[in-house]
Protein backbone atom coordinates (compact mmCIF):
# COMPACT_ATOMS: atom_id res chain seq x y z
CA MET A 1 128.52 -6.96 212.40
CA THR A 2 129.58 -2.75 212.35
CA GLU A 3 130.80 -1.44 214.82
CA ALA A 4 129.06 1.53 216.45
CA ILE A 5 130.79 5.04 216.07
CA ALA A 6 130.57 7.51 218.19
CA VAL A 7 128.68 10.77 217.52
CA ALA A 8 128.92 13.97 219.37
CA LEU A 9 125.41 15.53 219.20
CA PRO A 10 124.88 19.25 219.78
CA ASP A 11 123.06 20.77 222.78
CA ALA A 12 119.33 20.92 223.00
CA VAL A 13 118.22 24.34 222.88
CA ILE A 14 116.65 25.71 225.61
CA GLY A 15 116.74 29.41 224.95
CA SER A 16 117.78 32.12 222.57
CA LEU A 17 119.31 35.82 223.59
CA SER A 18 120.71 38.77 221.08
CA PRO A 19 122.45 42.03 222.59
CA SER A 20 118.90 43.70 221.85
CA ARG A 21 116.48 41.29 223.59
CA ALA A 22 119.01 40.74 226.49
CA SER A 23 119.47 44.88 226.90
CA ASP A 24 115.37 45.00 226.36
CA PHE A 25 114.94 42.29 229.69
CA LYS A 26 117.36 44.62 231.30
CA THR A 27 116.24 47.66 230.78
CA CYS A 28 112.24 46.49 231.63
CA PRO A 29 111.19 42.83 231.07
CA LEU A 30 107.87 43.67 230.00
CA LEU A 31 109.27 45.82 227.26
CA TYR A 32 111.03 43.03 226.14
CA ARG A 33 107.81 40.50 226.52
CA PHE A 34 106.22 43.11 224.47
CA ARG A 35 109.15 42.21 221.42
CA THR A 36 110.14 39.11 222.19
CA ILE A 37 106.72 37.08 223.11
CA ASP A 38 104.12 38.76 221.99
CA ARG A 39 105.65 39.76 218.91
CA LEU A 40 103.31 43.37 219.00
CA PRO A 41 104.31 46.16 216.19
CA GLU A 42 106.32 49.81 216.36
CA ALA A 43 106.00 52.67 214.89
CA PRO A 44 108.83 53.53 212.29
CA SER A 45 110.91 56.37 213.12
CA ARG A 46 112.60 58.40 210.54
CA ALA A 47 115.97 58.35 212.27
CA ALA A 48 115.99 54.30 212.32
CA VAL A 49 114.77 54.11 208.87
CA ARG A 50 117.77 56.37 208.18
CA GLY A 51 120.47 54.10 209.89
CA THR A 52 119.03 50.95 208.35
CA VAL A 53 119.99 52.78 204.81
CA VAL A 54 123.36 53.95 205.88
CA HIS A 55 123.98 50.88 207.51
CA ALA A 56 123.47 49.50 204.00
CA VAL A 57 124.88 51.69 202.37
CA LEU A 58 128.40 51.07 204.28
CA GLU A 59 127.92 46.99 203.76
CA ARG A 60 128.04 47.64 199.78
CA LEU A 61 130.04 49.77 199.21
CA PHE A 62 133.28 47.12 200.17
CA ASP A 63 131.44 45.40 197.21
CA LEU A 64 133.26 48.13 194.76
CA PRO A 65 137.07 47.68 194.18
CA SER A 66 139.36 49.22 196.93
CA ALA A 67 140.09 52.02 194.40
CA GLN A 68 136.51 52.84 193.77
CA ARG A 69 135.32 53.27 197.19
CA THR A 70 134.86 56.78 197.48
CA LEU A 71 132.50 59.04 198.76
CA ALA A 72 131.03 60.57 195.67
CA ALA A 73 130.26 56.29 195.25
CA ALA A 74 129.41 55.48 198.53
CA GLN A 75 126.55 58.56 198.22
CA ARG A 76 125.11 57.16 194.99
CA LEU A 77 124.50 53.98 196.89
CA VAL A 78 122.17 55.84 199.80
CA GLU A 79 118.94 56.78 197.50
CA PRO A 80 119.54 52.48 195.77
CA ALA A 81 119.14 51.31 199.31
CA TRP A 82 115.96 53.54 200.33
CA HIS A 83 114.15 52.29 197.17
CA ALA A 84 115.05 48.30 198.13
CA LEU A 85 114.31 49.06 201.95
CA LEU A 86 110.17 51.06 200.50
CA ALA A 87 109.76 47.84 198.00
CA GLU A 88 110.72 45.82 201.02
CA GLU A 89 108.52 47.94 203.41
CA PRO A 90 106.15 50.49 201.54
CA GLU A 91 104.52 51.96 204.62
CA LEU A 92 107.37 53.43 205.16
CA ALA A 93 106.88 55.95 202.48
CA ALA A 94 103.79 57.84 204.53
CA LEU A 95 106.87 59.26 207.10
CA PHE A 96 106.75 61.56 204.13
CA ALA A 97 105.02 64.88 203.81
CA ASP A 98 106.39 65.00 200.33
CA GLU A 99 109.41 64.83 198.59
CA THR A 100 110.92 68.21 199.12
CA ASP A 101 110.49 66.41 202.94
CA LEU A 102 112.50 63.13 201.24
CA ALA A 103 114.94 64.90 199.97
CA ALA A 104 115.82 66.40 202.54
CA TRP A 105 115.78 63.30 204.45
CA LEU A 106 117.89 61.23 202.42
CA ASP A 107 120.55 64.52 202.38
CA SER A 108 120.92 64.07 206.00
CA ALA A 109 121.68 60.13 205.33
CA ALA A 110 124.60 60.93 202.88
CA GLN A 111 125.93 63.10 205.15
CA LEU A 112 126.41 60.57 207.78
CA VAL A 113 128.50 58.54 204.98
CA GLU A 114 130.34 61.48 204.66
CA SER A 115 131.22 61.84 208.01
CA TYR A 116 132.27 57.61 207.74
CA PHE A 117 134.44 58.99 205.32
CA ALA A 118 136.04 61.06 208.20
CA ILE A 119 136.71 58.35 210.31
CA GLU A 120 137.49 55.14 208.27
CA ASP A 121 139.39 55.11 204.76
CA PRO A 122 137.60 52.42 202.89
CA SER A 123 140.06 51.60 200.41
CA ARG A 124 142.31 50.56 202.87
CA LEU A 125 139.98 48.35 204.25
CA GLU A 126 139.57 44.67 202.93
CA PRO A 127 136.39 43.46 206.09
CA ALA A 128 136.17 39.88 206.54
CA ALA A 129 132.74 39.65 206.64
CA ARG A 130 130.09 41.94 206.66
CA GLU A 131 126.86 41.71 208.77
CA GLU A 132 127.54 38.33 209.26
CA ARG A 133 124.86 35.87 211.71
CA VAL A 134 127.16 34.86 214.81
CA GLU A 135 125.65 31.88 217.03
CA THR A 136 126.69 29.31 219.35
CA VAL A 137 124.85 27.61 222.04
CA ILE A 138 125.87 27.48 225.73
CA ASP A 139 124.64 24.69 227.70
CA GLY A 140 122.00 25.50 225.82
CA LEU A 141 121.53 28.98 225.21
CA ARG A 142 121.82 29.84 221.81
CA LEU A 143 123.60 33.25 221.72
CA ARG A 144 122.72 35.17 218.33
CA GLY A 145 123.30 38.39 216.32
CA TYR A 146 124.49 40.04 213.45
CA VAL A 147 127.83 41.77 213.23
CA ASP A 148 128.75 45.33 211.37
CA ARG A 149 131.41 44.21 210.01
CA LEU A 150 134.89 42.13 211.14
CA ASP A 151 138.52 42.80 210.64
CA ILE A 152 141.13 40.47 210.37
CA SER A 153 144.25 41.11 210.07
CA PRO A 154 147.14 39.34 208.13
CA SER A 155 148.30 38.15 212.45
CA GLY A 156 144.70 36.28 212.62
CA ASP A 157 143.55 40.16 215.39
CA VAL A 158 140.19 39.87 215.39
CA ARG A 159 138.25 43.32 215.42
CA VAL A 160 134.23 43.95 215.62
CA VAL A 161 133.39 46.89 214.36
CA ASP A 162 129.34 47.99 214.55
CA TYR A 163 128.38 51.31 213.29
CA LYS A 164 125.75 53.85 214.92
CA THR A 165 123.76 56.47 213.33
CA GLY A 166 123.06 58.23 217.13
CA THR A 167 125.49 60.00 219.17
CA ILE A 168 128.24 58.82 221.20
CA PRO A 169 127.61 57.88 225.32
CA ARG A 170 128.73 59.74 227.68
CA GLU A 171 131.27 58.55 229.91
CA ALA A 172 128.69 56.97 232.26
CA PHE A 173 126.55 55.36 229.44
CA GLU A 174 129.94 53.28 227.93
CA ALA A 175 128.73 50.71 229.56
CA LYS A 176 125.42 49.69 227.90
CA ALA A 177 126.90 50.81 225.21
CA LEU A 178 129.63 47.87 225.13
CA PHE A 179 127.14 45.70 225.80
CA GLN A 180 126.18 44.46 222.33
CA MET A 181 130.22 44.50 221.63
CA LYS A 182 130.97 42.20 224.63
CA PHE A 183 127.86 39.73 223.05
CA TYR A 184 129.14 39.62 219.55
CA ALA A 185 132.99 39.28 221.34
CA LEU A 186 131.92 36.59 223.41
CA VAL A 187 130.38 34.59 220.69
CA LEU A 188 132.96 34.74 218.35
CA TRP A 189 135.66 33.87 221.72
CA ARG A 190 133.45 30.49 221.75
CA THR A 191 133.20 29.84 217.97
CA ARG A 192 136.33 30.26 217.00
CA GLY A 193 138.24 30.18 220.27
CA VAL A 194 139.79 33.55 219.35
CA VAL A 195 138.82 36.54 221.61
CA PRO A 196 138.90 39.64 219.59
CA ARG A 197 141.45 42.26 219.28
CA GLN A 198 139.02 45.44 219.51
CA LEU A 199 135.74 46.25 219.58
CA LYS A 200 134.78 49.76 217.73
CA LEU A 201 131.52 51.78 218.07
CA ILE A 202 131.50 54.07 215.25
CA TYR A 203 129.79 56.73 216.06
CA LEU A 204 128.40 58.83 213.07
CA SER A 205 126.65 62.03 214.08
CA ASP A 206 129.82 62.81 216.29
CA ARG A 207 132.64 62.05 213.73
CA ASP A 208 133.88 60.10 216.53
CA THR A 209 134.67 55.79 217.91
CA LEU A 210 134.55 54.55 220.81
CA THR A 211 137.16 51.39 221.36
CA TYR A 212 137.57 48.87 223.65
CA THR A 213 140.18 45.52 224.42
CA PRO A 214 137.98 42.62 226.12
CA GLU A 215 139.95 40.39 228.13
CA PRO A 216 139.02 36.08 228.76
CA ASP A 217 138.05 36.79 231.97
CA GLU A 218 135.57 39.25 231.69
CA LEU A 219 133.99 37.50 229.18
CA ALA A 220 133.69 34.46 231.13
CA ARG A 221 131.78 36.69 233.53
CA PHE A 222 129.60 38.26 230.83
CA GLU A 223 128.70 34.76 230.31
CA ARG A 224 127.10 34.12 233.24
CA THR A 225 125.91 37.69 233.25
CA LEU A 226 123.64 36.01 230.16
CA LYS A 227 122.95 32.65 231.50
CA ALA A 228 121.54 34.74 234.73
CA ILE A 229 119.22 36.51 232.78
CA TRP A 230 118.03 33.52 230.72
CA VAL A 231 116.95 32.13 233.58
CA ALA A 232 115.38 35.55 235.05
CA ILE A 233 113.22 35.04 231.21
CA ALA A 234 112.53 31.80 231.83
CA ARG A 235 110.84 31.74 234.82
CA ALA A 236 108.76 35.18 233.91
CA ALA A 237 107.49 33.37 230.73
CA GLU A 238 106.51 30.22 233.37
CA ALA A 239 104.93 32.98 236.01
CA GLY A 240 103.31 34.96 232.52
CA ASP A 241 105.06 37.51 234.45
CA PHE A 242 106.94 40.31 233.36
CA ARG A 243 106.89 43.52 235.17
CA PRO A 244 107.05 47.08 233.41
CA SER A 245 110.47 49.40 234.98
CA PRO A 246 109.33 52.75 234.41
CA SER A 247 112.20 54.89 233.19
CA ARG A 248 113.34 58.09 231.37
CA LEU A 249 113.03 55.57 228.06
CA CYS A 250 109.61 54.89 228.78
CA ASP A 251 109.18 58.71 226.81
CA TRP A 252 109.41 56.53 223.43
CA CYS A 253 108.41 53.75 224.23
CA ASP A 254 105.30 52.82 221.69
CA HIS A 255 103.75 50.65 224.02
CA GLN A 256 102.21 53.30 226.93
CA VAL A 257 98.43 52.31 226.06
CA ARG A 258 99.70 48.33 227.32
CA CYS A 259 101.63 49.55 230.17
CA PRO A 260 100.70 49.33 233.89
CA ALA A 261 102.74 51.33 235.00
CA PHE A 262 100.72 54.02 232.17
CA GLY A 263 97.13 52.76 233.79
CA GLY A 264 97.30 50.36 230.56
CA THR A 265 96.60 47.11 230.19
CA PRO A 266 98.87 43.93 228.49
CA PRO A 267 96.83 41.31 225.97
CA PRO A 268 96.63 37.99 227.17
CA PHE A 269 99.64 36.06 228.27
CA PRO A 270 99.98 33.28 224.82
CA THR A 271 100.11 30.25 226.33
CA ASP A 272 103.22 29.39 224.06
CA ALA A 273 105.12 31.98 225.23
CA LEU A 274 108.67 29.87 225.13
CA SER A 275 108.47 28.88 222.02
CA ARG A 276 107.84 32.37 220.85
CA ILE A 277 111.18 33.17 222.70
CA ASP A 278 113.36 31.27 220.05
CA ARG A 279 112.57 33.06 217.31
CA ASP A 280 114.89 35.75 215.65
CA ARG A 281 113.16 39.05 213.50
CA ARG A 282 115.61 38.72 211.05
CA ASP A 283 114.54 34.86 210.80
CA PRO A 284 112.36 34.37 207.56
CA PRO A 285 108.80 33.71 209.13
CA GLU A 286 106.98 30.72 209.80
CA PRO A 287 104.80 29.31 207.40
CA ALA A 288 101.01 30.05 208.31
CA ILE A 289 99.30 27.10 210.10
CA GLN A 290 95.71 25.90 207.74
CA PRO A 291 93.01 24.67 210.12
CA GLU A 292 91.60 21.66 210.37
CA LEU A 293 88.96 20.71 208.05
């Protein structure tokens, strides 16, 4: 008789959070519902698309040998990155009135790439990972996200780097900006057993950086915060009750027409809300379900 071998099974996943979705719920539960459960489309903006292009350029820049990572080489990557994105999302062409308008926008992206070179010398860096998906499951809650860049020193110190094409936040709003980075730090700590030495936000518009050094006790508290956010999300999903939280950010929200705070009516609440929460927008689409005949 063969002796049975005990195998450790992974935790059953009861829910999923990314830094952006957790931040959505903290900002406005109804916004979280619209984006994560209803998955309502949002109009693309030129600023957001420019950010996507610049991120792609800074990722591909490190495919080049270190000596070739020059400003000119990086700026030559801007237009191909735009065309690659346009091939995936042809509707983005409607953001521009004509070729002159598009050329000016591409030039603004190239200027942000130039700003990067004023902050770092990429020829002296060899990232351990770029656009890296990080994920862990803690007590059934899956935490996952995409890190722009991971640097690891010869001594094993980890630095988490995130590029921002917007402006650096005022001191009163630094905690909100660091929420995403603490999320990544927690996941890396739980998966690698090492607390990142530094969290670094690079703000290209201002040619400035925001850095932070997390501590284990702080990340443990942050983990409890994320668990509490998930409990609140699960309760709201069970009750079908995601309430709006009006603020100045409403001025930029695409969903005012559906928001009760502005006289709108949300769509009917999906019966499979919790199962929808577990999917990430960057995951490949699920195959279409064929109707029974």
